[in-house]
Amino acid sequence: MNDCITNSFYVYFIITISIYICKPPFLFYNENNKCLFKKFGCGKNKTIISIHILCILISIITYFVTYFLIKLENI
């Protein structure tokens, strides 16, 4: 179980850093030469999928993927 948590943490960390480096337009907006996170909601400079919700989903998905990969490896 410990391998699963550490592996999923490393994958999660790499994915979130790569998202922050790429700065996709559905998560970020530019204002006065600053790149800011879009907030949750509808309207200007808001998005339904905020960075917080995306990080929660990524952490859940990476945990289950690494769990199943480790489980398959032990079979």
N, C-alpha and C. Protein backbone atom coordinates (compact mmCIF):
# COMPACT_ATOMS: atom_id res chain seq x y z
N MET A 1 0.81 -1.20 0.00
CA MET A 1 0.00 0.00 0.00
C MET A 1 0.86 1.26 0.00
N ASN A 2 2.00 1.21 0.68
CA ASN A 2 2.87 2.36 0.74
C ASN A 2 3.43 2.70 -0.64
N ASP A 3 3.76 1.69 -1.44
CA ASP A 3 4.25 1.93 -2.79
C ASP A 3 3.20 2.63 -3.64
N CYS A 4 1.97 2.27 -3.43
CA CYS A 4 0.88 2.88 -4.19
C CYS A 4 0.78 4.37 -3.89
N ILE A 5 0.87 4.72 -2.63
CA ILE A 5 0.75 6.13 -2.25
C ILE A 5 1.94 6.94 -2.75
N THR A 6 3.14 6.42 -2.62
CA THR A 6 4.31 7.16 -3.07
C THR A 6 4.33 7.30 -4.59
N ASN A 7 4.00 6.23 -5.30
CA ASN A 7 3.97 6.31 -6.76
C ASN A 7 2.90 7.28 -7.24
N SER A 8 1.73 7.23 -6.63
CA SER A 8 0.67 8.14 -7.05
C SER A 8 1.02 9.58 -6.71
N PHE A 9 1.73 9.81 -5.61
CA PHE A 9 2.16 11.17 -5.28
C PHE A 9 3.13 11.70 -6.32
N TYR A 10 4.09 10.88 -6.73
CA TYR A 10 5.07 11.33 -7.73
C TYR A 10 4.38 11.63 -9.07
N VAL A 11 3.48 10.78 -9.48
CA VAL A 11 2.76 11.01 -10.74
C VAL A 11 1.90 12.27 -10.64
N TYR A 12 1.20 12.43 -9.52
CA TYR A 12 0.37 13.61 -9.29
C TYR A 12 1.22 14.87 -9.32
N PHE A 13 2.36 14.84 -8.66
CA PHE A 13 3.26 15.99 -8.61
C PHE A 13 3.75 16.37 -10.01
N ILE A 14 4.12 15.39 -10.80
CA ILE A 14 4.60 15.65 -12.16
C ILE A 14 3.48 16.22 -13.03
N ILE A 15 2.28 15.68 -12.91
CA ILE A 15 1.15 16.17 -13.72
C ILE A 15 0.79 17.60 -13.34
N THR A 16 0.71 17.90 -12.05
CA THR A 16 0.33 19.26 -11.65
C THR A 16 1.41 20.28 -12.01
N ILE A 17 2.67 19.92 -11.89
CA ILE A 17 3.74 20.83 -12.30
C ILE A 17 3.69 21.06 -13.81
N SER A 18 3.43 20.01 -14.58
CA SER A 18 3.35 20.19 -16.04
C SER A 18 2.14 21.05 -16.43
N ILE A 19 1.03 20.92 -15.71
CA ILE A 19 -0.13 21.78 -15.98
C ILE A 19 0.21 23.23 -15.67
N TYR A 20 0.90 23.45 -14.55
CA TYR A 20 1.27 24.81 -14.18
C TYR A 20 2.27 25.41 -15.16
N ILE A 21 3.17 24.60 -15.70
CA ILE A 21 4.15 25.10 -16.67
C ILE A 21 3.48 25.41 -18.01
N CYS A 22 2.56 24.53 -18.45
CA CYS A 22 1.88 24.73 -19.74
C CYS A 22 0.85 25.85 -19.71
N LYS A 23 0.24 26.08 -18.55
CA LYS A 23 -0.78 27.10 -18.35
C LYS A 23 -1.87 27.05 -19.43
N PRO A 24 -2.70 26.01 -19.41
CA PRO A 24 -3.76 25.90 -20.41
C PRO A 24 -4.79 27.02 -20.24
N PRO A 25 -5.33 27.52 -21.35
CA PRO A 25 -6.22 28.68 -21.28
C PRO A 25 -7.54 28.43 -20.56
N PHE A 26 -7.97 27.18 -20.39
CA PHE A 26 -9.21 26.95 -19.67
C PHE A 26 -9.01 27.02 -18.15
N LEU A 27 -7.75 27.13 -17.68
CA LEU A 27 -7.46 27.25 -16.25
C LEU A 27 -6.83 28.59 -15.86
N PHE A 28 -6.23 29.29 -16.83
CA PHE A 28 -5.51 30.52 -16.55
C PHE A 28 -6.00 31.65 -17.44
N TYR A 29 -5.83 32.89 -16.97
CA TYR A 29 -6.09 34.06 -17.79
C TYR A 29 -5.03 35.11 -17.51
N ASN A 30 -4.84 36.01 -18.46
CA ASN A 30 -3.83 37.06 -18.34
C ASN A 30 -4.49 38.39 -18.02
N GLU A 31 -3.92 39.10 -17.05
CA GLU A 31 -4.41 40.43 -16.70
C GLU A 31 -3.22 41.27 -16.26
N ASN A 32 -2.96 42.36 -16.98
CA ASN A 32 -1.85 43.26 -16.67
C ASN A 32 -0.52 42.51 -16.60
N ASN A 33 -0.24 41.71 -17.62
CA ASN A 33 1.00 40.92 -17.72
C ASN A 33 1.17 39.93 -16.57
N LYS A 34 0.09 39.52 -15.94
CA LYS A 34 0.12 38.49 -14.91
C LYS A 34 -0.75 37.32 -15.36
N CYS A 35 -0.29 36.13 -15.10
CA CYS A 35 -1.05 34.93 -15.42
C CYS A 35 -1.70 34.44 -14.13
N LEU A 36 -3.04 34.48 -14.09
CA LEU A 36 -3.77 34.15 -12.88
C LEU A 36 -4.67 32.94 -13.09
N PHE A 37 -5.00 32.25 -11.98
CA PHE A 37 -5.94 31.14 -12.04
C PHE A 37 -7.34 31.67 -12.28
N LYS A 38 -8.11 30.96 -13.11
CA LYS A 38 -9.52 31.28 -13.25
C LYS A 38 -10.26 30.75 -12.03
N LYS A 39 -11.24 31.49 -11.58
CA LYS A 39 -12.04 31.07 -10.43
C LYS A 39 -13.20 30.22 -10.90
N PHE A 40 -13.80 29.51 -9.96
CA PHE A 40 -14.94 28.66 -10.26
C PHE A 40 -16.18 29.53 -10.49
N GLY A 41 -16.94 29.18 -11.54
CA GLY A 41 -18.18 29.89 -11.82
C GLY A 41 -18.39 30.08 -13.30
N CYS A 42 -19.36 30.92 -13.62
CA CYS A 42 -19.67 31.26 -15.01
C CYS A 42 -19.45 32.75 -15.21
N GLY A 43 -18.96 33.11 -16.37
CA GLY A 43 -18.73 34.51 -16.66
C GLY A 43 -17.30 34.74 -17.10
N LYS A 44 -16.93 36.03 -17.13
CA LYS A 44 -15.59 36.40 -17.58
C LYS A 44 -14.55 35.95 -16.54
N ASN A 45 -13.49 35.36 -17.04
CA ASN A 45 -12.38 34.86 -16.23
C ASN A 45 -12.81 33.86 -15.17
N LYS A 46 -13.83 33.08 -15.46
CA LYS A 46 -14.28 32.01 -14.58
C LYS A 46 -14.44 30.74 -15.39
N THR A 47 -14.37 29.62 -14.73
CA THR A 47 -14.46 28.33 -15.42
C THR A 47 -15.19 27.33 -14.53
N ILE A 48 -15.78 26.34 -15.16
CA ILE A 48 -16.46 25.29 -14.42
C ILE A 48 -15.44 24.32 -13.82
N ILE A 49 -14.34 24.10 -14.52
CA ILE A 49 -13.28 23.21 -14.03
C ILE A 49 -12.14 24.09 -13.52
N SER A 50 -12.14 24.39 -12.23
CA SER A 50 -11.07 25.21 -11.67
C SER A 50 -9.86 24.32 -11.37
N ILE A 51 -8.76 24.96 -11.05
CA ILE A 51 -7.53 24.22 -10.77
C ILE A 51 -7.69 23.34 -9.54
N HIS A 52 -8.49 23.78 -8.57
CA HIS A 52 -8.68 23.00 -7.35
C HIS A 52 -9.44 21.72 -7.63
N ILE A 53 -10.51 21.82 -8.40
CA ILE A 53 -11.30 20.63 -8.74
C ILE A 53 -10.47 19.68 -9.61
N LEU A 54 -9.72 20.25 -10.55
CA LEU A 54 -8.88 19.42 -11.41
C LEU A 54 -7.81 18.68 -10.61
N CYS A 55 -7.21 19.33 -9.63
CA CYS A 55 -6.19 18.67 -8.81
C CYS A 55 -6.79 17.55 -7.96
N ILE A 56 -7.99 17.76 -7.45
CA ILE A 56 -8.66 16.70 -6.68
C ILE A 56 -8.94 15.50 -7.58
N LEU A 57 -9.44 15.75 -8.79
CA LEU A 57 -9.72 14.65 -9.71
C LEU A 57 -8.45 13.93 -10.15
N ILE A 58 -7.40 14.68 -10.40
CA ILE A 58 -6.13 14.06 -10.80
C ILE A 58 -5.59 13.19 -9.67
N SER A 59 -5.69 13.65 -8.43
CA SER A 59 -5.17 12.84 -7.32
C SER A 59 -5.95 11.54 -7.18
N ILE A 60 -7.26 11.59 -7.32
CA ILE A 60 -8.07 10.37 -7.22
C ILE A 60 -7.75 9.41 -8.36
N ILE A 61 -7.66 9.94 -9.57
CA ILE A 61 -7.40 9.10 -10.75
C ILE A 61 -6.01 8.48 -10.67
N THR A 62 -4.99 9.25 -10.28
CA THR A 62 -3.64 8.70 -10.20
C THR A 62 -3.53 7.64 -9.12
N TYR A 63 -4.24 7.84 -8.01
CA TYR A 63 -4.19 6.81 -6.97
C TYR A 63 -4.77 5.50 -7.47
N PHE A 64 -5.95 5.54 -8.10
CA PHE A 64 -6.56 4.30 -8.56
C PHE A 64 -5.79 3.66 -9.70
N VAL A 65 -5.21 4.45 -10.58
CA VAL A 65 -4.41 3.88 -11.67
C VAL A 65 -3.17 3.18 -11.11
N THR A 66 -2.46 3.83 -10.20
CA THR A 66 -1.29 3.18 -9.62
C THR A 66 -1.67 1.98 -8.78
N TYR A 67 -2.81 2.05 -8.09
CA TYR A 67 -3.28 0.91 -7.30
C TYR A 67 -3.53 -0.30 -8.20
N PHE A 68 -4.23 -0.08 -9.32
CA PHE A 68 -4.52 -1.19 -10.22
C PHE A 68 -3.26 -1.70 -10.93
N LEU A 69 -2.33 -0.82 -11.26
CA LEU A 69 -1.09 -1.26 -11.89
C LEU A 69 -0.25 -2.10 -10.94
N ILE A 70 -0.18 -1.69 -9.69
CA ILE A 70 0.56 -2.48 -8.70
C ILE A 70 -0.14 -3.81 -8.44
N LYS A 71 -1.46 -3.79 -8.42
CA LYS A 71 -2.22 -5.02 -8.20
C LYS A 71 -2.02 -5.98 -9.38
N LEU A 72 -1.99 -5.46 -10.61
CA LEU A 72 -1.75 -6.30 -11.79
C LEU A 72 -0.35 -6.87 -11.80
N GLU A 73 0.59 -6.09 -11.30
CA GLU A 73 1.97 -6.53 -11.26
C GLU A 73 2.16 -7.69 -10.29
N ASN A 74 1.39 -7.73 -9.23
CA ASN A 74 1.52 -8.78 -8.22
C ASN A 74 0.79 -10.06 -8.58
N ILE A 75 0.01 -10.04 -9.63
CA ILE A 75 -0.74 -11.24 -10.02
C ILE A 75 0.16 -12.23 -10.72
